[in-house]
Amino acid sequence: MRIMPVLLLSVSLVVLGGCYARFSAPSQSLAVKVDSGDTTLRGESTCSRFLWVFFTGDCSIRTAMRDGGIERVHHVDTDTLIILRGLWSRRHVHVYGE
């Protein structure tokens, strides 16, 4: 009978733990289509998170700028993939500029 409260608490922590997996991203109504032309450079950076605690990679704008050889930023896009309430998540940052 003592195992039931422990099991209930464990399941609750796993289910409610998904609320912690938040990445900020602009809403689609704020997105603006930009015709970047051929002169625009593009850089990317990626990071992942496992079990809500373990992080790998660097998804900063500075890293994406370095990847694309960008000195002036025009705009930044992100795309985020979250699986099983944040058990595993990945974020890509795309930087466009000169």
PDB file of N, CA and C in Angstrom:
ATOM      1  N   MET A   1       0.818  -1.200   0.000  1.00  0.00           N
ATOM      2  CA  MET A   1       0.000   0.000   0.000  1.00  0.00           C
ATOM      3  C   MET A   1       0.862   1.265   0.000  1.00  0.00           C
ATOM      4  N   ARG A   2       2.118   1.218   0.481  1.00  0.00           N
ATOM      5  CA  ARG A   2       2.970   2.410   0.509  1.00  0.00           C
ATOM      6  C   ARG A   2       3.484   2.769  -0.878  1.00  0.00           C
ATOM      7  N   ILE A   3       3.478   1.828  -1.772  1.00  0.00           N
ATOM      8  CA  ILE A   3       4.012   2.103  -3.107  1.00  0.00           C
ATOM      9  C   ILE A   3       3.065   2.978  -3.929  1.00  0.00           C
ATOM     10  N   MET A   4       1.780   2.948  -3.637  1.00  0.00           N
ATOM     11  CA  MET A   4       0.815   3.720  -4.411  1.00  0.00           C
ATOM     12  C   MET A   4       1.065   5.231  -4.329  1.00  0.00           C
ATOM     13  N   PRO A   5       1.279   5.835  -3.153  1.00  0.00           N
ATOM     14  CA  PRO A   5       1.570   7.278  -3.113  1.00  0.00           C
ATOM     15  C   PRO A   5       2.875   7.641  -3.840  1.00  0.00           C
ATOM     16  N   VAL A   6       3.885   6.789  -3.730  1.00  0.00           N
ATOM     17  CA  VAL A   6       5.153   7.049  -4.411  1.00  0.00           C
ATOM     18  C   VAL A   6       4.959   6.980  -5.923  1.00  0.00           C
ATOM     19  N   LEU A   7       4.211   6.003  -6.390  1.00  0.00           N
ATOM     20  CA  LEU A   7       3.931   5.866  -7.808  1.00  0.00           C
ATOM     21  C   LEU A   7       3.115   7.053  -8.323  1.00  0.00           C
ATOM     22  N   LEU A   8       2.127   7.474  -7.568  1.00  0.00           N
ATOM     23  CA  LEU A   8       1.308   8.619  -7.955  1.00  0.00           C
ATOM     24  C   LEU A   8       2.146   9.899  -8.026  1.00  0.00           C
ATOM     25  N   LEU A   9       3.021  10.093  -7.074  1.00  0.00           N
ATOM     26  CA  LEU A   9       3.902  11.257  -7.072  1.00  0.00           C
ATOM     27  C   LEU A   9       4.856  11.228  -8.264  1.00  0.00           C
ATOM     28  N   SER A  10       5.401  10.066  -8.571  1.00  0.00           N
ATOM     29  CA  SER A  10       6.325   9.934  -9.705  1.00  0.00           C
ATOM     30  C   SER A  10       5.640  10.247 -11.025  1.00  0.00           C
ATOM     31  N   VAL A  11       4.452   9.705 -11.211  1.00  0.00           N
ATOM     32  CA  VAL A  11       3.706   9.958 -12.440  1.00  0.00           C
ATOM     33  C   VAL A  11       3.332  11.439 -12.538  1.00  0.00           C
ATOM     34  N   SER A  12       2.946  12.044 -11.431  1.00  0.00           N
ATOM     35  CA  SER A  12       2.603  13.469 -11.426  1.00  0.00           C
ATOM     36  C   SER A  12       3.793  14.330 -11.805  1.00  0.00           C
ATOM     37  N   LEU A  13       4.968  14.002 -11.293  1.00  0.00           N
ATOM     38  CA  LEU A  13       6.164  14.781 -11.621  1.00  0.00           C
ATOM     39  C   LEU A  13       6.521  14.678 -13.094  1.00  0.00           C
ATOM     40  N   VAL A  14       6.353  13.500 -13.675  1.00  0.00           N
ATOM     41  CA  VAL A  14       6.653  13.331 -15.095  1.00  0.00           C
ATOM     42  C   VAL A  14       5.659  14.110 -15.950  1.00  0.00           C
ATOM     43  N   VAL A  15       4.382  14.019 -15.625  1.00  0.00           N
ATOM     44  CA  VAL A  15       3.360  14.700 -16.416  1.00  0.00           C
ATOM     45  C   VAL A  15       3.471  16.210 -16.276  1.00  0.00           C
ATOM     46  N   LEU A  16       3.641  16.706 -15.067  1.00  0.00           N
ATOM     47  CA  LEU A  16       3.726  18.147 -14.845  1.00  0.00           C
ATOM     48  C   LEU A  16       5.083  18.707 -15.218  1.00  0.00           C
ATOM     49  N   GLY A  17       6.085  17.855 -15.321  1.00  0.00           N
ATOM     50  CA  GLY A  17       7.416  18.322 -15.694  1.00  0.00           C
ATOM     51  C   GLY A  17       7.469  18.863 -17.105  1.00  0.00           C
ATOM     52  N   GLY A  18       6.541  18.468 -17.963  1.00  0.00           N
ATOM     53  CA  GLY A  18       6.494  18.979 -19.325  1.00  0.00           C
ATOM     54  C   GLY A  18       6.187  20.461 -19.393  1.00  0.00           C
ATOM     55  N   CYS A  19       5.633  21.019 -18.344  1.00  0.00           N
ATOM     56  CA  CYS A  19       5.337  22.447 -18.327  1.00  0.00           C
ATOM     57  C   CYS A  19       6.622  23.267 -18.320  1.00  0.00           C
ATOM     58  N   TYR A  20       7.737  22.659 -17.969  1.00  0.00           N
ATOM     59  CA  TYR A  20       9.001  23.364 -17.886  1.00  0.00           C
ATOM     60  C   TYR A  20       9.653  23.539 -19.249  1.00  0.00           C
ATOM     61  N   ALA A  21       9.274  22.737 -20.226  1.00  0.00           N
ATOM     62  CA  ALA A  21       9.911  22.783 -21.544  1.00  0.00           C
ATOM     63  C   ALA A  21       9.329  23.936 -22.353  1.00  0.00           C
ATOM     64  N   ARG A  22       9.913  25.118 -22.199  1.00  0.00           N
ATOM     65  CA  ARG A  22       9.436  26.291 -22.919  1.00  0.00           C
ATOM     66  C   ARG A  22      10.577  26.919 -23.695  1.00  0.00           C
ATOM     67  N   PHE A  23      10.328  27.178 -24.943  1.00  0.00           N
ATOM     68  CA  PHE A  23      11.223  27.978 -25.767  1.00  0.00           C
ATOM     69  C   PHE A  23      10.399  29.150 -26.258  1.00  0.00           C
ATOM     70  N   SER A  24      10.950  30.318 -26.218  1.00  0.00           N
ATOM     71  CA  SER A  24      10.203  31.461 -26.720  1.00  0.00           C
ATOM     72  C   SER A  24      10.354  31.528 -28.235  1.00  0.00           C
ATOM     73  N   ALA A  25       9.259  31.762 -28.889  1.00  0.00           N
ATOM     74  CA  ALA A  25       9.260  31.901 -30.345  1.00  0.00           C
ATOM     75  C   ALA A  25       8.198  32.921 -30.716  1.00  0.00           C
ATOM     76  N   PRO A  26       8.429  33.664 -31.767  1.00  0.00           N
ATOM     77  CA  PRO A  26       7.416  34.654 -32.160  1.00  0.00           C
ATOM     78  C   PRO A  26       6.155  33.964 -32.650  1.00  0.00           C
ATOM     79  N   SER A  27       5.028  34.611 -32.445  1.00  0.00           N
ATOM     80  CA  SER A  27       3.791  34.024 -32.936  1.00  0.00           C
ATOM     81  C   SER A  27       3.739  34.168 -34.448  1.00  0.00           C
ATOM     82  N   GLN A  28       2.962  33.343 -35.104  1.00  0.00           N
ATOM     83  CA  GLN A  28       2.909  33.365 -36.561  1.00  0.00           C
ATOM     84  C   GLN A  28       2.338  34.664 -37.084  1.00  0.00           C
ATOM     85  N   SER A  29       1.494  35.320 -36.306  1.00  0.00           N
ATOM     86  CA  SER A  29       0.929  36.579 -36.766  1.00  0.00           C
ATOM     87  C   SER A  29       1.981  37.683 -36.802  1.00  0.00           C
ATOM     88  N   LEU A  30       3.096  37.509 -36.101  1.00  0.00           N
ATOM     89  CA  LEU A  30       4.163  38.492 -36.102  1.00  0.00           C
ATOM     90  C   LEU A  30       5.220  38.201 -37.168  1.00  0.00           C
ATOM     91  N   ALA A  31       5.149  37.045 -37.798  1.00  0.00           N
ATOM     92  CA  ALA A  31       6.147  36.672 -38.798  1.00  0.00           C
ATOM     93  C   ALA A  31       5.972  37.515 -40.055  1.00  0.00           C
ATOM     94  N   VAL A  32       7.083  37.946 -40.631  1.00  0.00           N
ATOM     95  CA  VAL A  32       7.062  38.772 -41.831  1.00  0.00           C
ATOM     96  C   VAL A  32       7.902  38.087 -42.887  1.00  0.00           C
ATOM     97  N   LYS A  33       7.333  37.887 -44.058  1.00  0.00           N
ATOM     98  CA  LYS A  33       8.078  37.272 -45.152  1.00  0.00           C
ATOM     99  C   LYS A  33       9.018  38.317 -45.733  1.00  0.00           C
ATOM    100  N   VAL A  34      10.288  37.941 -45.828  1.00  0.00           N
ATOM    101  CA  VAL A  34      11.305  38.856 -46.321  1.00  0.00           C
ATOM    102  C   VAL A  34      11.926  38.267 -47.567  1.00  0.00           C
ATOM    103  N   ASP A  35      11.997  39.066 -48.623  1.00  0.00           N
ATOM    104  CA  ASP A  35      12.682  38.642 -49.838  1.00  0.00           C
ATOM    105  C   ASP A  35      14.148  38.982 -49.659  1.00  0.00           C
ATOM    106  N   SER A  36      14.934  37.979 -49.335  1.00  0.00           N
ATOM    107  CA  SER A  36      16.314  38.225 -48.939  1.00  0.00           C
ATOM    108  C   SER A  36      17.255  38.405 -50.118  1.00  0.00           C
ATOM    109  N   GLY A  37      16.930  37.951 -51.301  1.00  0.00           N
ATOM    110  CA  GLY A  37      17.806  38.108 -52.448  1.00  0.00           C
ATOM    111  C   GLY A  37      19.017  37.189 -52.365  1.00  0.00           C
ATOM    112  N   ASP A  38      19.952  37.361 -53.287  1.00  0.00           N
ATOM    113  CA  ASP A  38      21.120  36.485 -53.352  1.00  0.00           C
ATOM    114  C   ASP A  38      22.271  36.946 -52.462  1.00  0.00           C
ATOM    115  N   THR A  39      22.278  38.208 -52.020  1.00  0.00           N
ATOM    116  CA  THR A  39      23.420  38.735 -51.270  1.00  0.00           C
ATOM    117  C   THR A  39      23.347  38.420 -49.783  1.00  0.00           C
ATOM    118  N   THR A  40      22.245  37.872 -49.311  1.00  0.00           N
ATOM    119  CA  THR A  40      22.083  37.607 -47.892  1.00  0.00           C
ATOM    120  C   THR A  40      22.774  36.305 -47.500  1.00  0.00           C
ATOM    121  N   LEU A  41      23.543  36.364 -46.426  1.00  0.00           N
ATOM    122  CA  LEU A  41      24.193  35.172 -45.879  1.00  0.00           C
ATOM    123  C   LEU A  41      23.278  34.527 -44.851  1.00  0.00           C
ATOM    124  N   ARG A  42      23.502  33.249 -44.602  1.00  0.00           N
ATOM    125  CA  ARG A  42      22.680  32.527 -43.620  1.00  0.00           C
ATOM    126  C   ARG A  42      23.585  31.682 -42.736  1.00  0.00           C
ATOM    127  N   GLY A  43      23.334  31.729 -41.432  1.00  0.00           N
ATOM    128  CA  GLY A  43      24.058  30.901 -40.476  1.00  0.00           C
ATOM    129  C   GLY A  43      23.086  30.159 -39.584  1.00  0.00           C
ATOM    130  N   GLU A  44      23.502  29.015 -39.063  1.00  0.00           N
ATOM    131  CA  GLU A  44      22.642  28.195 -38.203  1.00  0.00           C
ATOM    132  C   GLU A  44      23.364  27.804 -36.929  1.00  0.00           C
ATOM    133  N   SER A  45      22.580  27.613 -35.882  1.00  0.00           N
ATOM    134  CA  SER A  45      23.099  27.013 -34.657  1.00  0.00           C
ATOM    135  C   SER A  45      21.998  26.118 -34.090  1.00  0.00           C
ATOM    136  N   THR A  46      22.394  25.085 -33.368  1.00  0.00           N
ATOM    137  CA  THR A  46      21.454  24.073 -32.879  1.00  0.00           C
ATOM    138  C   THR A  46      21.788  23.691 -31.442  1.00  0.00           C
ATOM    139  N   CYS A  47      20.749  23.437 -30.651  1.00  0.00           N
ATOM    140  CA  CYS A  47      20.950  22.874 -29.324  1.00  0.00           C
ATOM    141  C   CYS A  47      19.819  21.885 -29.045  1.00  0.00           C
ATOM    142  N   SER A  48      20.073  20.962 -28.134  1.00  0.00           N
ATOM    143  CA  SER A  48      19.094  19.943 -27.758  1.00  0.00           C
ATOM    144  C   SER A  48      19.017  19.837 -26.245  1.00  0.00           C
ATOM    145  N   ARG A  49      17.893  19.319 -25.769  1.00  0.00           N
ATOM    146  CA  ARG A  49      17.712  19.099 -24.332  1.00  0.00           C
ATOM    147  C   ARG A  49      17.098  17.718 -24.134  1.00  0.00           C
ATOM    148  N   PHE A  50      17.649  16.966 -23.181  1.00  0.00           N
ATOM    149  CA  PHE A  50      17.186  15.621 -22.861  1.00  0.00           C
ATOM    150  C   PHE A  50      16.735  15.574 -21.412  1.00  0.00           C
ATOM    151  N   LEU A  51      15.643  14.896 -21.153  1.00  0.00           N
ATOM    152  CA  LEU A  51      15.137  14.673 -19.784  1.00  0.00           C
ATOM    153  C   LEU A  51      14.995  15.974 -19.009  1.00  0.00           C
ATOM    154  N   TRP A  52      14.675  17.073 -19.678  1.00  0.00           N
ATOM    155  CA  TRP A  52      14.435  18.381 -19.074  1.00  0.00           C
ATOM    156  C   TRP A  52      15.643  18.981 -18.367  1.00  0.00           C
ATOM    157  N   VAL A  53      16.777  18.306 -18.368  1.00  0.00           N
ATOM    158  CA  VAL A  53      17.923  18.761 -17.576  1.00  0.00           C
ATOM    159  C   VAL A  53      19.210  18.845 -18.388  1.00  0.00           C
ATOM    160  N   PHE A  54      19.468  17.886 -19.263  1.00  0.00           N
ATOM    161  CA  PHE A  54      20.758  17.777 -19.944  1.00  0.00           C
ATOM    162  C   PHE A  54      20.723  18.521 -21.275  1.00  0.00           C
ATOM    163  N   PHE A  55      21.621  19.479 -21.430  1.00  0.00           N
ATOM    164  CA  PHE A  55      21.673  20.318 -22.618  1.00  0.00           C
ATOM    165  C   PHE A  55      22.918  20.013 -23.427  1.00  0.00           C
ATOM    166  N   THR A  56      22.794  20.049 -24.751  1.00  0.00           N
ATOM    167  CA  THR A  56      23.950  19.914 -25.637  1.00  0.00           C
ATOM    168  C   THR A  56      23.842  20.979 -26.715  1.00  0.00           C
ATOM    169  N   GLY A  57      24.963  21.423 -27.219  1.00  0.00           N
ATOM    170  CA  GLY A  57      24.983  22.378 -28.308  1.00  0.00           C
ATOM    171  C   GLY A  57      24.921  23.815 -27.832  1.00  0.00           C
ATOM    172  N   ASP A  58      24.936  24.709 -28.802  1.00  0.00           N
ATOM    173  CA  ASP A  58      24.882  26.140 -28.537  1.00  0.00           C
ATOM    174  C   ASP A  58      23.972  26.749 -29.585  1.00  0.00           C
ATOM    175  N   CYS A  59      22.809  27.234 -29.190  1.00  0.00           N
ATOM    176  CA  CYS A  59      21.869  27.798 -30.155  1.00  0.00           C
ATOM    177  C   CYS A  59      21.775  29.314 -30.012  1.00  0.00           C
ATOM    178  N   SER A  60      22.919  29.947 -29.802  1.00  0.00           N
ATOM    179  CA  SER A  60      22.919  31.397 -29.666  1.00  0.00           C
ATOM    180  C   SER A  60      22.998  32.066 -31.033  1.00  0.00           C
ATOM    181  N   ILE A  61      22.592  33.302 -31.082  1.00  0.00           N
ATOM    182  CA  ILE A  61      22.659  34.084 -32.314  1.00  0.00           C
ATOM    183  C   ILE A  61      24.112  34.309 -32.702  1.00  0.00           C
ATOM    184  N   ARG A  62      24.975  34.530 -31.730  1.00  0.00           N
ATOM    185  CA  ARG A  62      26.395  34.756 -32.005  1.00  0.00           C
ATOM    186  C   ARG A  62      27.032  33.542 -32.708  1.00  0.00           C
ATOM    187  N   THR A  63      26.681  32.341 -32.266  1.00  0.00           N
ATOM    188  CA  THR A  63      27.203  31.127 -32.899  1.00  0.00           C
ATOM    189  C   THR A  63      26.700  31.000 -34.335  1.00  0.00           C
ATOM    190  N   ALA A  64      25.424  31.316 -34.564  1.00  0.00           N
ATOM    191  CA  ALA A  64      24.872  31.266 -35.928  1.00  0.00           C
ATOM    192  C   ALA A  64      25.527  32.319 -36.814  1.00  0.00           C
ATOM    193  N   MET A  65      25.820  33.496 -36.271  1.00  0.00           N
ATOM    194  CA  MET A  65      26.514  34.535 -37.040  1.00  0.00           C
ATOM    195  C   MET A  65      27.905  34.055 -37.440  1.00  0.00           C
ATOM    196  N   ARG A  66      28.597  33.436 -36.512  1.00  0.00           N
ATOM    197  CA  ARG A  66      29.934  32.916 -36.791  1.00  0.00           C
ATOM    198  C   ARG A  66      29.876  31.819 -37.860  1.00  0.00           C
ATOM    199  N   ASP A  67      28.838  30.973 -37.800  1.00  0.00           N
ATOM    200  CA  ASP A  67      28.682  29.886 -38.771  1.00  0.00           C
ATOM    201  C   ASP A  67      28.500  30.413 -40.195  1.00  0.00           C
ATOM    202  N   GLY A  68      27.749  31.501 -40.339  1.00  0.00           N
ATOM    203  CA  GLY A  68      27.484  32.037 -41.674  1.00  0.00           C
ATOM    204  C   GLY A  68      28.408  33.160 -42.093  1.00  0.00           C
ATOM    205  N   GLY A  69      29.343  33.563 -41.227  1.00  0.00           N
ATOM    206  CA  GLY A  69      30.232  34.675 -41.547  1.00  0.00           C
ATOM    207  C   GLY A  69      29.482  36.000 -41.631  1.00  0.00           C
ATOM    208  N   ILE A  70      28.515  36.188 -40.756  1.00  0.00           N
ATOM    209  CA  ILE A  70      27.634  37.357 -40.786  1.00  0.00           C
ATOM    210  C   ILE A  70      28.146  38.409 -39.800  1.00  0.00           C
ATOM    211  N   GLU A  71      28.175  39.652 -40.264  1.00  0.00           N
ATOM    212  CA  GLU A  71      28.571  40.762 -39.392  1.00  0.00           C
ATOM    213  C   GLU A  71      27.392  41.647 -39.007  1.00  0.00           C
ATOM    214  N   ARG A  72      26.424  41.798 -39.921  1.00  0.00           N
ATOM    215  CA  ARG A  72      25.208  42.578 -39.641  1.00  0.00           C
ATOM    216  C   ARG A  72      23.993  41.675 -39.814  1.00  0.00           C
ATOM    217  N   VAL A  73      23.135  41.626 -38.815  1.00  0.00           N
ATOM    218  CA  VAL A  73      21.967  40.731 -38.832  1.00  0.00           C
ATOM    219  C   VAL A  73      20.759  41.462 -39.406  1.00  0.00           C
ATOM    220  N   HIS A  74      20.083  40.822 -40.376  1.00  0.00           N
ATOM    221  CA  HIS A  74      18.816  41.341 -40.900  1.00  0.00           C
ATOM    222  C   HIS A  74      17.658  40.835 -40.053  1.00  0.00           C
ATOM    223  N   HIS A  75      17.601  39.516 -39.896  1.00  0.00           N
ATOM    224  CA  HIS A  75      16.536  38.919 -39.091  1.00  0.00           C
ATOM    225  C   HIS A  75      16.942  37.531 -38.609  1.00  0.00           C
ATOM    226  N   VAL A  76      16.193  37.039 -37.629  1.00  0.00           N
ATOM    227  CA  VAL A  76      16.476  35.752 -36.991  1.00  0.00           C
ATOM    228  C   VAL A  76      15.194  34.925 -36.985  1.00  0.00           C
ATOM    229  N   ASP A  77      15.303  33.659 -37.359  1.00  0.00           N
ATOM    230  CA  ASP A  77      14.191  32.706 -37.283  1.00  0.00           C
ATOM    231  C   ASP A  77      14.593  31.568 -36.358  1.00  0.00           C
ATOM    232  N   THR A  78      13.617  30.990 -35.691  1.00  0.00           N
ATOM    233  CA  THR A  78      13.870  29.798 -34.878  1.00  0.00           C
ATOM    234  C   THR A  78      12.836  28.747 -35.237  1.00  0.00           C
ATOM    235  N   ASP A  79      13.231  27.500 -35.120  1.00  0.00           N
ATOM    236  CA  ASP A  79      12.247  26.429 -35.183  1.00  0.00           C
ATOM    237  C   ASP A  79      12.560  25.451 -34.064  1.00  0.00           C
ATOM    238  N   THR A  80      11.501  25.015 -33.422  1.00  0.00           N
ATOM    239  CA  THR A  80      11.623  24.199 -32.219  1.00  0.00           C
ATOM    240  C   THR A  80      10.821  22.923 -32.385  1.00  0.00           C
ATOM    241  N   LEU A  81      11.416  21.804 -31.981  1.00  0.00           N
ATOM    242  CA  LEU A  81      10.743  20.509 -31.988  1.00  0.00           C
ATOM    243  C   LEU A  81      10.752  19.985 -30.557  1.00  0.00           C
ATOM    244  N   ILE A  82       9.568  19.753 -30.003  1.00  0.00           N
ATOM    245  CA  ILE A  82       9.437  19.242 -28.634  1.00  0.00           C
ATOM    246  C   ILE A  82       8.705  17.908 -28.700  1.00  0.00           C
ATOM    247  N   ILE A  83       9.308  16.866 -28.116  1.00  0.00           N
ATOM    248  CA  ILE A  83       8.726  15.527 -28.126  1.00  0.00           C
ATOM    249  C   ILE A  83       8.464  15.071 -26.695  1.00  0.00           C
ATOM    250  N   LEU A  84       7.300  14.491 -26.489  1.00  0.00           N
ATOM    251  CA  LEU A  84       6.886  13.950 -25.178  1.00  0.00           C
ATOM    252  C   LEU A  84       7.013  14.984 -24.066  1.00  0.00           C
ATOM    253  N   ARG A  85       6.338  16.127 -24.283  1.00  0.00           N
ATOM    254  CA  ARG A  85       6.291  17.192 -23.277  1.00  0.00           C
ATOM    255  C   ARG A  85       7.661  17.681 -22.850  1.00  0.00           C
ATOM    256  N   GLY A  86       8.601  17.647 -23.741  1.00  0.00           N
ATOM    257  CA  GLY A  86       9.926  18.164 -23.438  1.00  0.00           C
ATOM    258  C   GLY A  86      10.927  17.121 -23.013  1.00  0.00           C
ATOM    259  N   LEU A  87      10.552  15.849 -23.048  1.00  0.00           N
ATOM    260  CA  LEU A  87      11.504  14.788 -22.726  1.00  0.00           C
ATOM    261  C   LEU A  87      12.723  14.908 -23.626  1.00  0.00           C
ATOM    262  N   TRP A  88      12.486  15.247 -24.881  1.00  0.00           N
ATOM    263  CA  TRP A  88      13.561  15.566 -25.817  1.00  0.00           C
ATOM    264  C   TRP A  88      13.103  16.768 -26.631  1.00  0.00           C
ATOM    265  N   SER A  89      13.963  17.762 -26.763  1.00  0.00           N
ATOM    266  CA  SER A  89      13.625  18.928 -27.577  1.00  0.00           C
ATOM    267  C   SER A  89      14.863  19.418 -28.310  1.00  0.00           C
ATOM    268  N   ARG A  90      14.612  20.046 -29.461  1.00  0.00           N
ATOM    269  CA  ARG A  90      15.704  20.562 -30.286  1.00  0.00           C
ATOM    270  C   ARG A  90      15.304  21.939 -30.787  1.00  0.00           C
ATOM    271  N   ARG A  91      16.271  22.848 -30.838  1.00  0.00           N
ATOM    272  CA  ARG A  91      16.011  24.203 -31.314  1.00  0.00           C
ATOM    273  C   ARG A  91      17.063  24.586 -32.344  1.00  0.00           C
ATOM    274  N   HIS A  92      16.581  25.075 -33.485  1.00  0.00           N
ATOM    275  CA  HIS A  92      17.463  25.602 -34.537  1.00  0.00           C
ATOM    276  C   HIS A  92      17.283  27.109 -34.582  1.00  0.00           C
ATOM    277  N   VAL A  93      18.368  27.828 -34.676  1.00  0.00           N
ATOM    278  CA  VAL A  93      18.318  29.281 -34.853  1.00  0.00           C
ATOM    279  C   VAL A  93      18.930  29.584 -36.216  1.00  0.00           C
ATOM    280  N   HIS A  94      18.196  30.308 -37.048  1.00  0.00           N
ATOM    281  CA  HIS A  94      18.652  30.696 -38.384  1.00  0.00           C
ATOM    282  C   HIS A  94      18.837  32.205 -38.394  1.00  0.00           C
ATOM    283  N   VAL A  95      20.020  32.662 -38.734  1.00  0.00           N
ATOM    284  CA  VAL A  95      20.322  34.095 -38.771  1.00  0.00           C
ATOM    285  C   VAL A  95      20.605  34.490 -40.211  1.00  0.00           C
ATOM    286  N   TYR A  96      19.999  35.570 -40.666  1.00  0.00           N
ATOM    287  CA  TYR A  96      20.197  36.089 -42.013  1.00  0.00           C
ATOM    288  C   TYR A  96      20.809  37.474 -41.917  1.00  0.00           C
ATOM    289  N   GLY A  97      21.767  37.758 -42.771  1.00  0.00           N
ATOM    290  CA  GLY A  97      22.384  39.072 -42.736  1.00  0.00           C
ATOM    291  C   GLY A  97      23.473  39.229 -43.769  1.00  0.00           C
ATOM    292  N   GLU A  98      24.344  40.210 -43.518  1.00  0.00           N
ATOM    293  CA  GLU A  98      25.443  40.525 -44.433  1.00  0.00           C
ATOM    294  C   GLU A  98      26.769  40.221 -43.795  1.00  0.00           C
TER     295      GLU A  98
END
